[in-house]
């Protein structure tokens, strides 16, 4: 007989759950209401997928359209890792 421990649920990072305020440039893509960072990331990826902005050959590259280019600091293409850093500049803690 083996004793089984109950499955441990992964706790969400409280910092990611606190609402933050997107600035006007980011709000074009994710909306202007205060939302958690995790939701900003989700909405960004929904937008990227819906508009076919992920590079088909190099999946880590994201191509900017007219709405994302100002968020990406005017860059045409950024990596998904660079995107996280660039998006952070457009978020205000509330």
C-alpha atoms as a PDB file:
ATOM      1  CA  UNK A   1       0.000   0.000   0.000  1.00  0.00           C
ATOM      2  CA  UNK A   2       1.278   3.452  -0.871  1.00  0.00           C
ATOM      3  CA  UNK A   3       0.131   6.626   0.738  1.00  0.00           C
ATOM      4  CA  UNK A   4      -0.676   9.331  -1.719  1.00  0.00           C
ATOM      5  CA  UNK A   5      -0.317  12.954  -0.871  1.00  0.00           C
ATOM      6  CA  UNK A   6      -3.056  15.239  -2.078  1.00  0.00           C
ATOM      7  CA  UNK A   7      -2.066  17.196  -5.180  1.00  0.00           C
ATOM      8  CA  UNK A   8      -0.620  20.547  -4.307  1.00  0.00           C
ATOM      9  CA  UNK A   9      -2.135  23.444  -6.167  1.00  0.00           C
ATOM     10  CA  UNK A  10       0.334  25.937  -7.544  1.00  0.00           C
ATOM     11  CA  UNK A  11      -0.229  29.313  -5.938  1.00  0.00           C
ATOM     12  CA  UNK A  12      -0.409  32.296  -8.255  1.00  0.00           C
ATOM     13  CA  UNK A  13       2.243  34.952  -7.831  1.00  0.00           C
ATOM     14  CA  UNK A  14       0.481  37.799  -5.969  1.00  0.00           C
ATOM     15  CA  UNK A  15       2.475  40.398  -7.915  1.00  0.00           C
ATOM     16  CA  UNK A  16       1.033  39.063 -11.166  1.00  0.00           C
ATOM     17  CA  UNK A  17      -2.511  39.192  -9.810  1.00  0.00           C
ATOM     18  CA  UNK A  18      -2.487  42.864  -8.745  1.00  0.00           C
ATOM     19  CA  UNK A  19      -4.233  45.104 -11.265  1.00  0.00           C
ATOM     20  CA  UNK A  20      -1.993  47.482 -13.193  1.00  0.00           C
ATOM     21  CA  UNK A  21      -2.922  50.346 -15.500  1.00  0.00           C
ATOM     22  CA  UNK A  22      -1.968  50.059 -19.188  1.00  0.00           C
ATOM     23  CA  UNK A  23      -0.945  53.395 -20.735  1.00  0.00           C
ATOM     24  CA  UNK A  24      -2.710  54.799 -23.810  1.00  0.00           C
ATOM     25  CA  UNK A  25      -0.403  53.024 -26.295  1.00  0.00           C
ATOM     26  CA  UNK A  26      -0.838  49.596 -24.721  1.00  0.00           C
ATOM     27  CA  UNK A  27      -4.562  50.181 -24.130  1.00  0.00           C
ATOM     28  CA  UNK A  28      -5.113  50.106 -27.908  1.00  0.00           C
ATOM     29  CA  UNK A  29      -4.292  46.377 -27.780  1.00  0.00           C
ATOM     30  CA  UNK A  30      -5.342  45.214 -24.277  1.00  0.00           C
ATOM     31  CA  UNK A  31      -8.007  47.737 -23.245  1.00  0.00           C
ATOM     32  CA  UNK A  32      -7.825  50.674 -20.856  1.00  0.00           C
ATOM     33  CA  UNK A  33      -9.218  49.087 -17.685  1.00  0.00           C
ATOM     34  CA  UNK A  34      -6.832  48.123 -14.861  1.00  0.00           C
ATOM     35  CA  UNK A  35      -6.074  44.398 -15.196  1.00  0.00           C
ATOM     36  CA  UNK A  36      -3.490  41.949 -13.784  1.00  0.00           C
ATOM     37  CA  UNK A  37      -0.198  41.513 -15.654  1.00  0.00           C
ATOM     38  CA  UNK A  38      -1.156  37.928 -16.419  1.00  0.00           C
ATOM     39  CA  UNK A  39      -4.261  39.152 -18.246  1.00  0.00           C
ATOM     40  CA  UNK A  40      -2.208  41.726 -20.184  1.00  0.00           C
ATOM     41  CA  UNK A  41       0.062  38.914 -21.380  1.00  0.00           C
ATOM     42  CA  UNK A  42      -2.934  36.763 -22.314  1.00  0.00           C
ATOM     43  CA  UNK A  43      -4.599  39.581 -24.256  1.00  0.00           C
ATOM     44  CA  UNK A  44      -1.350  40.434 -26.042  1.00  0.00           C
ATOM     45  CA  UNK A  45      -0.917  36.833 -27.184  1.00  0.00           C
ATOM     46  CA  UNK A  46      -4.573  36.626 -28.239  1.00  0.00           C
ATOM     47  CA  UNK A  47      -4.008  39.775 -30.337  1.00  0.00           C
ATOM     48  CA  UNK A  48      -0.739  38.465 -31.815  1.00  0.00           C
ATOM     49  CA  UNK A  49      -2.319  35.135 -32.788  1.00  0.00           C
ATOM     50  CA  UNK A  50      -5.536  36.698 -34.111  1.00  0.00           C
ATOM     51  CA  UNK A  51      -3.548  39.029 -36.368  1.00  0.00           C
ATOM     52  CA  UNK A  52      -0.895  36.485 -37.432  1.00  0.00           C
ATOM     53  CA  UNK A  53       1.994  38.531 -36.036  1.00  0.00           C
ATOM     54  CA  UNK A  54       4.152  35.627 -34.822  1.00  0.00           C
ATOM     55  CA  UNK A  55       6.924  34.759 -37.279  1.00  0.00           C
ATOM     56  CA  UNK A  56       6.189  31.388 -38.896  1.00  0.00           C
ATOM     57  CA  UNK A  57       9.848  30.327 -39.136  1.00  0.00           C
ATOM     58  CA  UNK A  58      11.307  31.878 -35.971  1.00  0.00           C
ATOM     59  CA  UNK A  59       8.446  31.439 -33.505  1.00  0.00           C
ATOM     60  CA  UNK A  60      10.118  33.622 -30.855  1.00  0.00           C
ATOM     61  CA  UNK A  61       9.872  36.684 -33.123  1.00  0.00           C
ATOM     62  CA  UNK A  62       6.829  38.957 -33.099  1.00  0.00           C
ATOM     63  CA  UNK A  63       6.165  41.365 -35.969  1.00  0.00           C
ATOM     64  CA  UNK A  64       4.668  44.717 -35.030  1.00  0.00           C
ATOM     65  CA  UNK A  65       1.572  46.057 -36.718  1.00  0.00           C
ATOM     66  CA  UNK A  66       0.392  49.685 -36.454  1.00  0.00           C
ATOM     67  CA  UNK A  67      -0.994  49.137 -32.928  1.00  0.00           C
ATOM     68  CA  UNK A  68       2.030  47.272 -31.533  1.00  0.00           C
ATOM     69  CA  UNK A  69       4.810  49.332 -33.132  1.00  0.00           C
ATOM     70  CA  UNK A  70       4.507  52.214 -30.599  1.00  0.00           C
ATOM     71  CA  UNK A  71       4.462  49.686 -27.724  1.00  0.00           C
ATOM     72  CA  UNK A  72       7.613  48.071 -29.160  1.00  0.00           C
ATOM     73  CA  UNK A  73       9.434  51.412 -29.239  1.00  0.00           C
ATOM     74  CA  UNK A  74       9.099  51.735 -33.019  1.00  0.00           C
ATOM     75  CA  UNK A  75      10.728  48.359 -33.757  1.00  0.00           C
ATOM     76  CA  UNK A  76       9.365  46.258 -36.617  1.00  0.00           C
ATOM     77  CA  UNK A  77      10.242  42.917 -34.982  1.00  0.00           C
ATOM     78  CA  UNK A  78      11.013  41.932 -31.394  1.00  0.00           C
ATOM     79  CA  UNK A  79      11.597  38.631 -29.630  1.00  0.00           C
ATOM     80  CA  UNK A  80       8.942  37.454 -27.181  1.00  0.00           C
ATOM     81  CA  UNK A  81      11.473  38.007 -24.369  1.00  0.00           C
ATOM     82  CA  UNK A  82      12.172  41.566 -25.509  1.00  0.00           C
ATOM     83  CA  UNK A  83       8.425  42.134 -25.826  1.00  0.00           C
ATOM     84  CA  UNK A  84       7.923  41.465 -22.100  1.00  0.00           C
ATOM     85  CA  UNK A  85      10.470  44.140 -21.204  1.00  0.00           C
ATOM     86  CA  UNK A  86       9.043  46.655 -23.684  1.00  0.00           C
ATOM     87  CA  UNK A  87       5.464  46.100 -22.499  1.00  0.00           C
ATOM     88  CA  UNK A  88       6.510  46.646 -18.870  1.00  0.00           C
ATOM     89  CA  UNK A  89       7.393  50.241 -19.759  1.00  0.00           C
ATOM     90  CA  UNK A  90       3.726  50.804 -20.661  1.00  0.00           C
ATOM     91  CA  UNK A  91       2.299  49.569 -17.343  1.00  0.00           C
ATOM     92  CA  UNK A  92       1.732  51.691 -14.247  1.00  0.00           C
ATOM     93  CA  UNK A  93       1.232  50.172 -10.797  1.00  0.00           C
ATOM     94  CA  UNK A  94      -1.932  51.386  -9.112  1.00  0.00           C
END
